[in-house]
Amino acid sequence: MKQLASAAALVALAACSTVGPPPPTERPVVEATACPDLSVVLYFEPASAAVPPSADPVLATVREGIDMCNKRFSHVRRVEIAAFANRGGDGATAVARAHARAQSVKAKIVELGVPARRVKIVDHDAVDDDPDQPLRRHAHVVVKFNVER
């Protein structure tokens, strides 16, 4: 009887084994070879072109991203800044304020160690009466680590 139980156990164990190739596994983990671009938004006070203290944590995140990428892969290829003015007011004042905001952000990015020649202010329509965009007083910053686009 003991032999019969042992034989049954061996048959059951053999049924659990697989024949053929092993089952597919998850995709292999591939080490990154480049840093992803980093995109942040900085908001300004309504009538100000100065980068506010509330932007410090966002700039710290940018610094950490740049430092991490510099250690692992490569340097910053380009930083693009598009700054926007508040809605309302005359167009010339809005354009001037948007440009001043972009210059303020550029100075902060250069303070982070990015060469000024790699920081570009991107043209855009600085005056927009779109009622769906109530917070236009911001600067959009994109740090590009990869191929120039």
N, C-alpha and C. Protein backbone atom coordinates (compact mmCIF):
# COMPACT_ATOMS: atom_id res chain seq x y z
N MET A 1 0.82 -1.18 0.00
CA MET A 1 0.00 0.00 0.00
C MET A 1 0.87 1.26 0.00
N LYS A 2 1.97 1.19 0.78
CA LYS A 2 2.88 2.31 0.83
C LYS A 2 3.50 2.57 -0.54
N GLN A 3 3.79 1.47 -1.24
CA GLN A 3 4.38 1.61 -2.57
C GLN A 3 3.39 2.23 -3.54
N LEU A 4 2.12 1.87 -3.39
CA LEU A 4 1.08 2.42 -4.25
C LEU A 4 0.93 3.92 -4.02
N ALA A 5 0.98 4.35 -2.76
CA ALA A 5 0.88 5.77 -2.42
C ALA A 5 2.08 6.53 -2.96
N SER A 6 3.26 5.91 -2.85
CA SER A 6 4.47 6.56 -3.37
C SER A 6 4.41 6.69 -4.87
N ALA A 7 3.93 5.66 -5.54
CA ALA A 7 3.81 5.70 -6.99
C ALA A 7 2.81 6.75 -7.42
N ALA A 8 1.68 6.86 -6.71
CA ALA A 8 0.67 7.88 -7.03
C ALA A 8 1.24 9.27 -6.85
N ALA A 9 2.04 9.47 -5.80
CA ALA A 9 2.65 10.77 -5.55
C ALA A 9 3.62 11.13 -6.66
N LEU A 10 4.41 10.15 -7.13
CA LEU A 10 5.35 10.41 -8.22
C LEU A 10 4.62 10.74 -9.52
N VAL A 11 3.50 10.05 -9.79
CA VAL A 11 2.73 10.34 -10.99
C VAL A 11 2.15 11.76 -10.91
N ALA A 12 1.63 12.13 -9.73
CA ALA A 12 1.08 13.48 -9.55
C ALA A 12 2.16 14.53 -9.71
N LEU A 13 3.34 14.25 -9.16
CA LEU A 13 4.45 15.19 -9.26
C LEU A 13 4.90 15.33 -10.71
N ALA A 14 4.93 14.24 -11.43
CA ALA A 14 5.33 14.29 -12.84
C ALA A 14 4.33 15.08 -13.67
N ALA A 15 3.06 15.03 -13.29
CA ALA A 15 2.04 15.79 -14.02
C ALA A 15 2.23 17.29 -13.85
N CYS A 16 2.86 17.70 -12.77
CA CYS A 16 3.07 19.14 -12.52
C CYS A 16 4.23 19.69 -13.34
N SER A 17 5.12 18.85 -13.79
CA SER A 17 6.26 19.35 -14.53
C SER A 17 5.82 19.76 -15.94
N THR A 18 6.55 20.66 -16.53
CA THR A 18 6.20 21.15 -17.86
C THR A 18 7.09 20.49 -18.90
N VAL A 19 6.54 20.30 -20.03
CA VAL A 19 7.28 19.77 -21.16
C VAL A 19 7.37 20.88 -22.19
N GLY A 20 8.52 21.09 -22.76
CA GLY A 20 8.69 22.14 -23.74
C GLY A 20 9.35 23.36 -23.14
N PRO A 21 9.28 24.47 -23.85
CA PRO A 21 9.97 25.68 -23.38
C PRO A 21 9.28 26.24 -22.14
N PRO A 22 10.04 26.98 -21.34
CA PRO A 22 9.44 27.58 -20.15
C PRO A 22 8.41 28.64 -20.56
N PRO A 23 7.49 28.94 -19.68
CA PRO A 23 6.49 29.96 -20.02
C PRO A 23 7.15 31.32 -20.21
N PRO A 24 6.55 32.14 -21.05
CA PRO A 24 7.16 33.47 -21.27
C PRO A 24 7.17 34.27 -19.97
N THR A 25 8.21 35.05 -19.83
CA THR A 25 8.33 35.91 -18.65
C THR A 25 7.95 37.33 -19.05
N GLU A 26 7.95 38.20 -18.09
CA GLU A 26 7.68 39.61 -18.38
C GLU A 26 8.80 40.14 -19.25
N ARG A 27 8.56 41.30 -19.84
CA ARG A 27 9.59 41.93 -20.67
C ARG A 27 10.86 42.11 -19.85
N PRO A 28 12.00 41.94 -20.48
CA PRO A 28 13.24 42.14 -19.73
C PRO A 28 13.39 43.60 -19.33
N VAL A 29 14.00 43.81 -18.20
CA VAL A 29 14.25 45.17 -17.73
C VAL A 29 15.43 45.72 -18.52
N VAL A 30 15.23 46.87 -19.13
CA VAL A 30 16.27 47.48 -19.94
C VAL A 30 16.70 48.77 -19.24
N GLU A 31 17.96 48.93 -19.04
CA GLU A 31 18.51 50.13 -18.43
C GLU A 31 18.30 51.31 -19.37
N ALA A 32 17.85 52.43 -18.84
CA ALA A 32 17.65 53.63 -19.65
C ALA A 32 19.00 54.10 -20.19
N THR A 33 18.99 54.63 -21.40
CA THR A 33 20.22 55.12 -22.01
C THR A 33 20.21 56.64 -22.18
N ALA A 34 19.12 57.27 -21.79
CA ALA A 34 19.02 58.72 -21.87
C ALA A 34 17.99 59.20 -20.87
N CYS A 35 18.09 60.44 -20.49
CA CYS A 35 17.13 61.02 -19.55
C CYS A 35 15.91 61.52 -20.32
N PRO A 36 14.74 61.38 -19.74
CA PRO A 36 13.56 61.97 -20.38
C PRO A 36 13.60 63.49 -20.22
N ASP A 37 13.00 64.18 -21.16
CA ASP A 37 12.92 65.64 -21.04
C ASP A 37 12.10 65.98 -19.80
N LEU A 38 12.38 67.12 -19.24
CA LEU A 38 11.73 67.56 -18.00
C LEU A 38 10.93 68.82 -18.32
N SER A 39 9.67 68.85 -17.92
CA SER A 39 8.81 69.99 -18.22
C SER A 39 8.16 70.48 -16.93
N VAL A 40 8.27 71.78 -16.65
CA VAL A 40 7.66 72.37 -15.45
C VAL A 40 6.99 73.69 -15.81
N VAL A 41 6.13 74.13 -14.91
CA VAL A 41 5.46 75.42 -15.08
C VAL A 41 5.70 76.25 -13.82
N LEU A 42 6.09 77.49 -14.01
CA LEU A 42 6.29 78.44 -12.91
C LEU A 42 5.23 79.52 -13.01
N TYR A 43 4.57 79.82 -11.91
CA TYR A 43 3.53 80.85 -11.91
C TYR A 43 4.05 82.14 -11.27
N PHE A 44 3.54 83.27 -11.78
CA PHE A 44 3.95 84.59 -11.32
C PHE A 44 2.79 85.30 -10.64
N GLU A 45 3.14 86.30 -9.85
CA GLU A 45 2.13 87.19 -9.29
C GLU A 45 1.58 88.03 -10.44
N PRO A 46 0.34 88.54 -10.32
CA PRO A 46 -0.32 89.22 -11.45
C PRO A 46 0.48 90.32 -12.15
N ALA A 47 1.11 91.22 -11.45
CA ALA A 47 1.79 92.33 -12.11
C ALA A 47 3.30 92.24 -11.96
N SER A 48 3.83 91.05 -11.79
CA SER A 48 5.25 90.89 -11.50
C SER A 48 5.96 90.05 -12.56
N ALA A 49 7.23 90.38 -12.76
CA ALA A 49 8.08 89.58 -13.63
C ALA A 49 9.11 88.82 -12.82
N ALA A 50 9.13 89.02 -11.51
CA ALA A 50 10.10 88.33 -10.64
C ALA A 50 9.64 86.89 -10.39
N VAL A 51 10.58 85.96 -10.44
CA VAL A 51 10.26 84.57 -10.12
C VAL A 51 9.96 84.53 -8.62
N PRO A 52 8.75 84.10 -8.24
CA PRO A 52 8.36 84.14 -6.83
C PRO A 52 9.03 83.03 -6.01
N PRO A 53 9.12 83.22 -4.69
CA PRO A 53 9.69 82.18 -3.82
C PRO A 53 8.94 80.85 -3.92
N SER A 54 7.67 80.89 -4.28
CA SER A 54 6.90 79.65 -4.42
C SER A 54 7.43 78.76 -5.55
N ALA A 55 8.27 79.32 -6.42
CA ALA A 55 8.86 78.54 -7.51
C ALA A 55 10.11 77.78 -7.06
N ASP A 56 10.61 78.06 -5.86
CA ASP A 56 11.84 77.41 -5.39
C ASP A 56 11.75 75.87 -5.39
N PRO A 57 10.66 75.27 -4.90
CA PRO A 57 10.60 73.80 -4.95
C PRO A 57 10.59 73.25 -6.38
N VAL A 58 9.97 73.98 -7.30
CA VAL A 58 9.95 73.54 -8.70
C VAL A 58 11.36 73.64 -9.29
N LEU A 59 12.05 74.72 -8.99
CA LEU A 59 13.43 74.87 -9.47
C LEU A 59 14.35 73.83 -8.83
N ALA A 60 14.08 73.45 -7.59
CA ALA A 60 14.87 72.40 -6.94
C ALA A 60 14.67 71.07 -7.66
N THR A 61 13.46 70.82 -8.11
CA THR A 61 13.19 69.60 -8.88
C THR A 61 13.95 69.62 -10.21
N VAL A 62 13.99 70.78 -10.84
CA VAL A 62 14.75 70.92 -12.09
C VAL A 62 16.23 70.66 -11.81
N ARG A 63 16.75 71.23 -10.73
CA ARG A 63 18.17 71.03 -10.38
C ARG A 63 18.46 69.54 -10.16
N GLU A 64 17.58 68.86 -9.42
CA GLU A 64 17.77 67.42 -9.15
C GLU A 64 17.76 66.63 -10.45
N GLY A 65 16.84 66.96 -11.36
CA GLY A 65 16.77 66.27 -12.64
C GLY A 65 18.03 66.47 -13.46
N ILE A 66 18.53 67.69 -13.48
CA ILE A 66 19.75 68.00 -14.22
C ILE A 66 20.94 67.27 -13.61
N ASP A 67 21.05 67.32 -12.28
CA ASP A 67 22.17 66.66 -11.60
C ASP A 67 22.15 65.15 -11.85
N MET A 68 20.98 64.54 -11.74
CA MET A 68 20.87 63.10 -11.95
C MET A 68 21.28 62.72 -13.38
N CYS A 69 20.80 63.49 -14.33
CA CYS A 69 21.13 63.17 -15.72
C CYS A 69 22.61 63.39 -16.00
N ASN A 70 23.18 64.45 -15.45
CA ASN A 70 24.60 64.71 -15.66
C ASN A 70 25.46 63.56 -15.12
N LYS A 71 25.04 62.97 -13.99
CA LYS A 71 25.80 61.87 -13.40
C LYS A 71 25.68 60.60 -14.21
N ARG A 72 24.52 60.36 -14.79
CA ARG A 72 24.27 59.07 -15.45
C ARG A 72 24.53 59.08 -16.95
N PHE A 73 24.18 60.15 -17.63
CA PHE A 73 24.19 60.07 -19.09
C PHE A 73 24.90 61.24 -19.76
N SER A 74 24.25 62.37 -19.76
CA SER A 74 24.78 63.49 -20.54
C SER A 74 24.36 64.80 -19.92
N HIS A 75 24.75 65.85 -20.56
CA HIS A 75 24.42 67.19 -20.09
C HIS A 75 23.12 67.69 -20.74
N VAL A 76 22.68 68.83 -20.30
CA VAL A 76 21.49 69.45 -20.87
C VAL A 76 21.81 69.92 -22.29
N ARG A 77 20.97 69.54 -23.23
CA ARG A 77 21.17 69.97 -24.62
C ARG A 77 20.57 71.36 -24.85
N ARG A 78 19.38 71.58 -24.26
CA ARG A 78 18.71 72.86 -24.46
C ARG A 78 17.61 73.02 -23.41
N VAL A 79 17.36 74.25 -23.01
CA VAL A 79 16.22 74.59 -22.16
C VAL A 79 15.41 75.60 -22.94
N GLU A 80 14.10 75.33 -23.07
CA GLU A 80 13.21 76.25 -23.77
C GLU A 80 12.27 76.88 -22.75
N ILE A 81 12.10 78.18 -22.84
CA ILE A 81 11.23 78.92 -21.94
C ILE A 81 10.21 79.69 -22.76
N ALA A 82 8.94 79.48 -22.44
CA ALA A 82 7.86 80.27 -23.04
C ALA A 82 7.12 80.91 -21.88
N ALA A 83 7.16 82.23 -21.79
CA ALA A 83 6.50 82.93 -20.69
C ALA A 83 5.27 83.67 -21.23
N PHE A 84 4.26 83.76 -20.39
CA PHE A 84 2.98 84.35 -20.78
C PHE A 84 2.61 85.47 -19.82
N ALA A 85 1.88 86.45 -20.33
CA ALA A 85 1.42 87.57 -19.51
C ALA A 85 0.01 87.31 -19.03
N ASN A 86 -0.43 88.14 -18.05
CA ASN A 86 -1.82 88.02 -17.59
C ASN A 86 -2.75 88.48 -18.70
N ARG A 87 -3.97 88.03 -18.60
CA ARG A 87 -4.98 88.50 -19.54
C ARG A 87 -5.36 89.93 -19.19
N GLY A 88 -5.78 90.64 -20.19
CA GLY A 88 -6.20 92.03 -19.97
C GLY A 88 -5.04 92.98 -20.17
N GLY A 89 -5.33 94.26 -20.12
CA GLY A 89 -4.29 95.26 -20.33
C GLY A 89 -3.99 95.41 -21.81
N ASP A 90 -3.07 96.33 -22.11
CA ASP A 90 -2.76 96.51 -23.52
C ASP A 90 -1.72 95.49 -23.98
N GLY A 91 -1.72 95.23 -25.25
CA GLY A 91 -0.87 94.19 -25.83
C GLY A 91 0.61 94.43 -25.64
N ALA A 92 1.06 95.68 -25.82
CA ALA A 92 2.49 95.98 -25.70
C ALA A 92 2.99 95.72 -24.28
N THR A 93 2.20 96.10 -23.30
CA THR A 93 2.58 95.88 -21.90
C THR A 93 2.62 94.38 -21.60
N ALA A 94 1.66 93.64 -22.12
CA ALA A 94 1.61 92.20 -21.89
C ALA A 94 2.82 91.51 -22.52
N VAL A 95 3.18 91.91 -23.72
CA VAL A 95 4.33 91.32 -24.40
C VAL A 95 5.61 91.63 -23.63
N ALA A 96 5.75 92.87 -23.18
CA ALA A 96 6.94 93.26 -22.41
C ALA A 96 7.02 92.48 -21.10
N ARG A 97 5.88 92.31 -20.43
CA ARG A 97 5.88 91.57 -19.16
C ARG A 97 6.22 90.10 -19.40
N ALA A 98 5.67 89.51 -20.45
CA ALA A 98 5.99 88.11 -20.77
C ALA A 98 7.48 87.95 -21.05
N HIS A 99 8.07 88.88 -21.79
CA HIS A 99 9.50 88.82 -22.08
C HIS A 99 10.33 88.97 -20.80
N ALA A 100 9.92 89.88 -19.92
CA ALA A 100 10.64 90.07 -18.66
C ALA A 100 10.55 88.80 -17.80
N ARG A 101 9.41 88.15 -17.81
CA ARG A 101 9.26 86.89 -17.06
C ARG A 101 10.19 85.82 -17.62
N ALA A 102 10.26 85.73 -18.93
CA ALA A 102 11.14 84.74 -19.55
C ALA A 102 12.60 85.01 -19.18
N GLN A 103 12.99 86.28 -19.17
CA GLN A 103 14.37 86.63 -18.79
C GLN A 103 14.65 86.26 -17.33
N SER A 104 13.67 86.48 -16.45
CA SER A 104 13.84 86.12 -15.03
C SER A 104 14.03 84.62 -14.86
N VAL A 105 13.23 83.85 -15.59
CA VAL A 105 13.35 82.39 -15.51
C VAL A 105 14.69 81.94 -16.09
N LYS A 106 15.11 82.57 -17.20
CA LYS A 106 16.40 82.22 -17.79
C LYS A 106 17.53 82.44 -16.79
N ALA A 107 17.49 83.55 -16.07
CA ALA A 107 18.52 83.83 -15.07
C ALA A 107 18.55 82.74 -13.99
N LYS A 108 17.38 82.28 -13.57
CA LYS A 108 17.31 81.21 -12.56
C LYS A 108 17.88 79.90 -13.10
N ILE A 109 17.59 79.58 -14.35
CA ILE A 109 18.08 78.34 -14.96
C ILE A 109 19.60 78.40 -15.09
N VAL A 110 20.14 79.57 -15.45
CA VAL A 110 21.59 79.74 -15.55
C VAL A 110 22.22 79.58 -14.16
N GLU A 111 21.54 80.07 -13.12
CA GLU A 111 22.04 79.88 -11.74
C GLU A 111 22.13 78.40 -11.38
N LEU A 112 21.32 77.57 -12.02
CA LEU A 112 21.36 76.12 -11.76
C LEU A 112 22.56 75.45 -12.44
N GLY A 113 23.31 76.22 -13.23
CA GLY A 113 24.50 75.68 -13.87
C GLY A 113 24.36 75.38 -15.35
N VAL A 114 23.23 75.70 -15.94
CA VAL A 114 23.05 75.49 -17.37
C VAL A 114 23.69 76.67 -18.11
N PRO A 115 24.56 76.41 -19.08
CA PRO A 115 25.17 77.52 -19.82
C PRO A 115 24.10 78.38 -20.51
N ALA A 116 24.26 79.69 -20.43
CA ALA A 116 23.26 80.62 -20.99
C ALA A 116 23.02 80.37 -22.47
N ARG A 117 24.04 79.93 -23.20
CA ARG A 117 23.86 79.69 -24.64
C ARG A 117 22.90 78.54 -24.93
N ARG A 118 22.64 77.69 -23.94
CA ARG A 118 21.72 76.56 -24.11
C ARG A 118 20.28 76.89 -23.69
N VAL A 119 20.07 78.09 -23.15
CA VAL A 119 18.74 78.48 -22.68
C VAL A 119 18.12 79.40 -23.72
N LYS A 120 17.01 78.97 -24.29
CA LYS A 120 16.34 79.72 -25.37
C LYS A 120 14.96 80.17 -24.93
N ILE A 121 14.64 81.40 -25.25
CA ILE A 121 13.29 81.92 -25.03
C ILE A 121 12.51 81.68 -26.31
N VAL A 122 11.40 80.99 -26.18
CA VAL A 122 10.59 80.57 -27.33
C VAL A 122 9.51 81.60 -27.58
N ASP A 123 9.34 81.97 -28.83
CA ASP A 123 8.28 82.92 -29.21
C ASP A 123 6.91 82.27 -29.09
N HIS A 124 5.95 83.08 -28.78
CA HIS A 124 4.56 82.62 -28.69
C HIS A 124 3.66 83.83 -28.75
N ASP A 125 2.38 83.60 -28.79
CA ASP A 125 1.40 84.68 -28.76
C ASP A 125 1.22 85.09 -27.31
N ALA A 126 1.82 86.20 -26.91
CA ALA A 126 1.81 86.61 -25.51
C ALA A 126 0.47 87.17 -25.06
N VAL A 127 -0.36 87.60 -25.99
CA VAL A 127 -1.66 88.16 -25.63
C VAL A 127 -2.74 87.24 -26.18
N ASP A 128 -3.59 86.78 -25.29
CA ASP A 128 -4.64 85.85 -25.69
C ASP A 128 -5.86 86.12 -24.83
N ASP A 129 -6.99 86.38 -25.44
CA ASP A 129 -8.21 86.65 -24.68
C ASP A 129 -9.08 85.42 -24.52
N ASP A 130 -8.46 84.25 -24.55
CA ASP A 130 -9.19 83.00 -24.38
C ASP A 130 -9.71 82.90 -22.95
N PRO A 131 -11.03 82.90 -22.73
CA PRO A 131 -11.57 82.84 -21.38
C PRO A 131 -11.32 81.50 -20.69
N ASP A 132 -10.92 80.48 -21.42
CA ASP A 132 -10.63 79.18 -20.82
C ASP A 132 -9.23 79.10 -20.23
N GLN A 133 -8.45 80.15 -20.32
CA GLN A 133 -7.10 80.17 -19.77
C GLN A 133 -6.97 81.30 -18.76
N PRO A 134 -7.55 81.15 -17.57
CA PRO A 134 -7.53 82.23 -16.59
C PRO A 134 -6.17 82.50 -15.97
N LEU A 135 -5.26 81.52 -15.91
CA LEU A 135 -3.95 81.72 -15.31
C LEU A 135 -2.85 81.72 -16.36
N ARG A 136 -2.82 82.77 -17.13
CA ARG A 136 -1.80 82.86 -18.18
C ARG A 136 -0.49 83.40 -17.64
N ARG A 137 -0.45 83.86 -16.41
CA ARG A 137 0.77 84.47 -15.87
C ARG A 137 1.74 83.38 -15.40
N HIS A 138 2.30 82.67 -16.39
CA HIS A 138 3.20 81.57 -16.07
C HIS A 138 4.31 81.48 -17.11
N ALA A 139 5.29 80.66 -16.80
CA ALA A 139 6.35 80.35 -17.75
C ALA A 139 6.42 78.83 -17.84
N HIS A 140 6.44 78.33 -19.04
CA HIS A 140 6.57 76.89 -19.29
C HIS A 140 8.04 76.65 -19.62
N VAL A 141 8.68 75.76 -18.84
CA VAL A 141 10.11 75.47 -19.01
C VAL A 141 10.26 74.01 -19.40
N VAL A 142 10.98 73.75 -20.49
CA VAL A 142 11.25 72.38 -20.92
C VAL A 142 12.77 72.20 -20.98
N VAL A 143 13.27 71.25 -20.17
CA VAL A 143 14.69 70.91 -20.17
C VAL A 143 14.85 69.70 -21.07
N LYS A 144 15.64 69.86 -22.14
CA LYS A 144 15.83 68.78 -23.12
C LYS A 144 17.23 68.19 -22.94
N PHE A 145 17.25 66.88 -22.67
CA PHE A 145 18.52 66.19 -22.47
C PHE A 145 18.96 65.44 -23.72
N ASN A 146 18.05 65.21 -24.61
CA ASN A 146 18.31 64.32 -25.74
C ASN A 146 18.58 65.10 -27.02
N VAL A 147 18.40 64.43 -28.12
CA VAL A 147 18.70 65.02 -29.44
C VAL A 147 17.93 66.31 -29.61
N GLU A 148 18.58 67.28 -30.20
CA GLU A 148 17.94 68.56 -30.46
C GLU A 148 16.70 68.37 -31.30
N ARG A 149 15.59 68.95 -30.85
CA ARG A 149 14.34 68.86 -31.62
C ARG A 149 13.82 70.23 -31.83
